[in-house]
Amino acid sequence: MISSPIKKVYAGKSPEPLTERGVRQAKEVSEKLKKFEVNALYSSPIQRALQTAQIIAVNNGLDLQVEEAFRELEMGPWEGLSEVDVEKRYPDEWNIWNTRPAELKLAGRETLEELWSVY
């Protein structure tokens, strides 16, 4: 079976599901966690995080608790774009993001300070 390549897309809050590879990795992690005494399982409300947590919860007999504070960064105009596309379309902002991420301000995109202020 040939697996599809990782897209390296800024999914942010999008309802992007786990890939086949992601499901396989979640199952592997689930098995490895059985060696440990896990008492609680928390997840972001984002679909792909929930899918991962549900696999782990079912396979380990854990109750899953969804925590809104574990949300994703609002990516604004970068949402759904690959890293390559972001670098091409937003070269100056891409440079800031990769060298001084706390300084990035882009209309429609949440800053790291705004994300952190939720906590």
C-alpha atoms as a PDB file:
ATOM      1  CA  MET A   1       0.000   0.000   0.000  1.00  0.00           C
ATOM      2  CA  ILE A   2       1.383   3.396  -0.989  1.00  0.00           C
ATOM      3  CA  SER A   3       0.634   6.097   1.539  1.00  0.00           C
ATOM      4  CA  SER A   4      -0.112   9.609   0.445  1.00  0.00           C
ATOM      5  CA  PRO A   5       2.536  12.228   1.220  1.00  0.00           C
ATOM      6  CA  ILE A   6       2.098  14.574   4.147  1.00  0.00           C
ATOM      7  CA  LYS A   7       0.669  17.807   2.791  1.00  0.00           C
ATOM      8  CA  LYS A   8       2.192  20.143   5.406  1.00  0.00           C
ATOM      9  CA  VAL A   9      -0.944  22.263   5.240  1.00  0.00           C
ATOM     10  CA  TYR A  10      -1.838  24.817   7.873  1.00  0.00           C
ATOM     11  CA  ALA A  11      -5.042  23.170   8.995  1.00  0.00           C
ATOM     12  CA  GLY A  12      -5.661  25.411  12.020  1.00  0.00           C
ATOM     13  CA  LYS A  13      -9.297  25.133  13.035  1.00  0.00           C
ATOM     14  CA  SER A  14     -10.388  23.426   9.827  1.00  0.00           C
ATOM     15  CA  PRO A  15     -12.242  20.117  10.136  1.00  0.00           C
ATOM     16  CA  GLU A  16      -9.366  18.251   8.488  1.00  0.00           C
ATOM     17  CA  PRO A  17      -9.615  14.575   9.526  1.00  0.00           C
ATOM     18  CA  LEU A  18      -6.720  12.293  10.338  1.00  0.00           C
ATOM     19  CA  THR A  19      -4.969  10.734   7.385  1.00  0.00           C
ATOM     20  CA  GLU A  20      -4.632   6.951   7.151  1.00  0.00           C
ATOM     21  CA  ARG A  21      -1.137   7.417   8.494  1.00  0.00           C
ATOM     22  CA  GLY A  22      -2.484   9.480  11.392  1.00  0.00           C
ATOM     23  CA  VAL A  23      -4.977   6.754  12.309  1.00  0.00           C
ATOM     24  CA  ARG A  24      -2.207   4.165  12.195  1.00  0.00           C
ATOM     25  CA  GLN A  25       0.020   6.358  14.391  1.00  0.00           C
ATOM     26  CA  ALA A  26      -2.803   6.915  16.893  1.00  0.00           C
ATOM     27  CA  LYS A  27      -3.279   3.156  17.171  1.00  0.00           C
ATOM     28  CA  GLU A  28       0.465   2.675  17.711  1.00  0.00           C
ATOM     29  CA  VAL A  29       0.526   5.315  20.451  1.00  0.00           C
ATOM     30  CA  SER A  30      -2.548   3.739  21.986  1.00  0.00           C
ATOM     31  CA  GLU A  31      -0.751   0.413  22.274  1.00  0.00           C
ATOM     32  CA  LYS A  32       2.376   1.992  23.733  1.00  0.00           C
ATOM     33  CA  LEU A  33       0.321   3.836  26.366  1.00  0.00           C
ATOM     34  CA  LYS A  34      -0.950   0.534  27.743  1.00  0.00           C
ATOM     35  CA  LYS A  35       2.411   0.174  29.537  1.00  0.00           C
ATOM     36  CA  PHE A  36       1.682   3.256  31.617  1.00  0.00           C
ATOM     37  CA  GLU A  37      -0.879   4.092  34.260  1.00  0.00           C
ATOM     38  CA  VAL A  38      -2.882   6.764  32.445  1.00  0.00           C
ATOM     39  CA  ASN A  39      -5.595   8.312  34.577  1.00  0.00           C
ATOM     40  CA  ALA A  40      -6.968  11.022  32.309  1.00  0.00           C
ATOM     41  CA  LEU A  41      -7.196  11.859  28.637  1.00  0.00           C
ATOM     42  CA  TYR A  42      -7.816  15.370  27.346  1.00  0.00           C
ATOM     43  CA  SER A  43      -8.263  16.539  23.785  1.00  0.00           C
ATOM     44  CA  SER A  44      -8.647  19.645  21.721  1.00  0.00           C
ATOM     45  CA  PRO A  45     -12.103  19.981  20.137  1.00  0.00           C
ATOM     46  CA  ILE A  46     -10.522  19.956  16.673  1.00  0.00           C
ATOM     47  CA  GLN A  47     -11.686  16.938  14.647  1.00  0.00           C
ATOM     48  CA  ARG A  48      -8.271  15.390  14.006  1.00  0.00           C
ATOM     49  CA  ALA A  49      -7.294  15.698  17.685  1.00  0.00           C
ATOM     50  CA  LEU A  50     -10.614  14.180  18.756  1.00  0.00           C
ATOM     51  CA  GLN A  51     -10.144  11.272  16.362  1.00  0.00           C
ATOM     52  CA  THR A  52      -6.727  10.586  17.841  1.00  0.00           C
ATOM     53  CA  ALA A  53      -8.000  10.828  21.403  1.00  0.00           C
ATOM     54  CA  GLN A  54     -11.014   8.609  20.682  1.00  0.00           C
ATOM     55  CA  ILE A  55      -8.751   5.846  19.372  1.00  0.00           C
ATOM     56  CA  ILE A  56      -6.600   6.101  22.481  1.00  0.00           C
ATOM     57  CA  ALA A  57      -9.623   6.273  24.812  1.00  0.00           C
ATOM     58  CA  VAL A  58     -11.348   3.231  23.348  1.00  0.00           C
ATOM     59  CA  ASN A  59      -8.201   1.110  23.274  1.00  0.00           C
ATOM     60  CA  ASN A  60      -7.219   2.050  26.830  1.00  0.00           C
ATOM     61  CA  GLY A  61     -10.607   2.203  28.556  1.00  0.00           C
ATOM     62  CA  LEU A  62     -10.301   5.912  29.286  1.00  0.00           C
ATOM     63  CA  ASP A  63     -12.896   8.636  29.559  1.00  0.00           C
ATOM     64  CA  LEU A  64     -12.196  11.406  27.083  1.00  0.00           C
ATOM     65  CA  GLN A  65     -12.493  15.000  28.219  1.00  0.00           C
ATOM     66  CA  VAL A  66     -12.619  17.720  25.568  1.00  0.00           C
ATOM     67  CA  GLU A  67     -10.843  20.889  26.626  1.00  0.00           C
ATOM     68  CA  GLU A  68     -11.650  24.067  24.709  1.00  0.00           C
ATOM     69  CA  ALA A  69      -8.376  25.634  25.871  1.00  0.00           C
ATOM     70  CA  PHE A  70      -6.505  23.096  23.733  1.00  0.00           C
ATOM     71  CA  ARG A  71      -7.701  24.760  20.578  1.00  0.00           C
ATOM     72  CA  GLU A  72      -5.694  25.590  17.492  1.00  0.00           C
ATOM     73  CA  LEU A  73      -4.305  28.899  16.323  1.00  0.00           C
ATOM     74  CA  GLU A  74      -6.653  30.766  13.965  1.00  0.00           C
ATOM     75  CA  MET A  75      -4.607  30.807  10.745  1.00  0.00           C
ATOM     76  CA  GLY A  76      -6.728  33.294   8.780  1.00  0.00           C
ATOM     77  CA  PRO A  77      -5.586  33.572   5.146  1.00  0.00           C
ATOM     78  CA  TRP A  78      -3.049  30.779   5.682  1.00  0.00           C
ATOM     79  CA  GLU A  79      -5.752  28.258   6.576  1.00  0.00           C
ATOM     80  CA  GLY A  80      -5.659  25.358   4.116  1.00  0.00           C
ATOM     81  CA  LEU A  81      -2.453  26.517   2.413  1.00  0.00           C
ATOM     82  CA  SER A  82       0.704  24.456   2.284  1.00  0.00           C
ATOM     83  CA  GLU A  83       3.913  25.814   3.746  1.00  0.00           C
ATOM     84  CA  VAL A  84       5.227  26.192   0.181  1.00  0.00           C
ATOM     85  CA  ASP A  85       2.178  28.265  -0.821  1.00  0.00           C
ATOM     86  CA  VAL A  86       2.407  30.438   2.297  1.00  0.00           C
ATOM     87  CA  GLU A  87       6.083  31.108   1.635  1.00  0.00           C
ATOM     88  CA  LYS A  88       5.298  32.113  -1.984  1.00  0.00           C
ATOM     89  CA  ARG A  89       2.217  34.250  -1.257  1.00  0.00           C
ATOM     90  CA  TYR A  90       3.382  35.824   2.006  1.00  0.00           C
ATOM     91  CA  PRO A  91       7.201  35.915   1.832  1.00  0.00           C
ATOM     92  CA  ASP A  92       7.698  38.736   4.351  1.00  0.00           C
ATOM     93  CA  GLU A  93       5.223  37.278   6.832  1.00  0.00           C
ATOM     94  CA  TRP A  94       6.701  33.796   6.327  1.00  0.00           C
ATOM     95  CA  ASN A  95      10.121  35.137   7.239  1.00  0.00           C
ATOM     96  CA  ILE A  96       8.757  36.761  10.407  1.00  0.00           C
ATOM     97  CA  TRP A  97       6.903  33.566  11.355  1.00  0.00           C
ATOM     98  CA  ASN A  98      10.088  31.532  11.025  1.00  0.00           C
ATOM     99  CA  THR A  99      12.439  33.984  12.723  1.00  0.00           C
ATOM    100  CA  ARG A 100      10.335  36.052  15.147  1.00  0.00           C
ATOM    101  CA  PRO A 101       6.910  34.332  15.383  1.00  0.00           C
ATOM    102  CA  ALA A 102       5.651  36.464  18.280  1.00  0.00           C
ATOM    103  CA  GLU A 103       5.910  39.531  16.036  1.00  0.00           C
ATOM    104  CA  LEU A 104       3.723  38.226  13.199  1.00  0.00           C
ATOM    105  CA  LYS A 105       0.594  40.294  12.657  1.00  0.00           C
ATOM    106  CA  LEU A 106      -1.571  39.382   9.679  1.00  0.00           C
ATOM    107  CA  ALA A 107      -5.191  40.414   9.116  1.00  0.00           C
ATOM    108  CA  GLY A 108      -7.506  37.536  10.015  1.00  0.00           C
ATOM    109  CA  ARG A 109      -4.713  35.529  11.631  1.00  0.00           C
ATOM    110  CA  GLU A 110      -4.541  35.191  15.385  1.00  0.00           C
ATOM    111  CA  THR A 111      -1.285  36.344  16.952  1.00  0.00           C
ATOM    112  CA  LEU A 112       0.587  34.203  19.448  1.00  0.00           C
ATOM    113  CA  GLU A 113      -0.195  36.822  22.089  1.00  0.00           C
ATOM    114  CA  GLU A 114      -3.941  36.537  21.365  1.00  0.00           C
ATOM    115  CA  LEU A 115      -3.748  32.751  21.558  1.00  0.00           C
ATOM    116  CA  TRP A 116      -1.817  32.889  24.804  1.00  0.00           C
ATOM    117  CA  SER A 117      -4.239  35.423  26.358  1.00  0.00           C
ATOM    118  CA  VAL A 118      -6.939  32.723  26.420  1.00  0.00           C
ATOM    119  CA  TYR A 119      -4.997  31.042  29.200  1.00  0.00           C
END
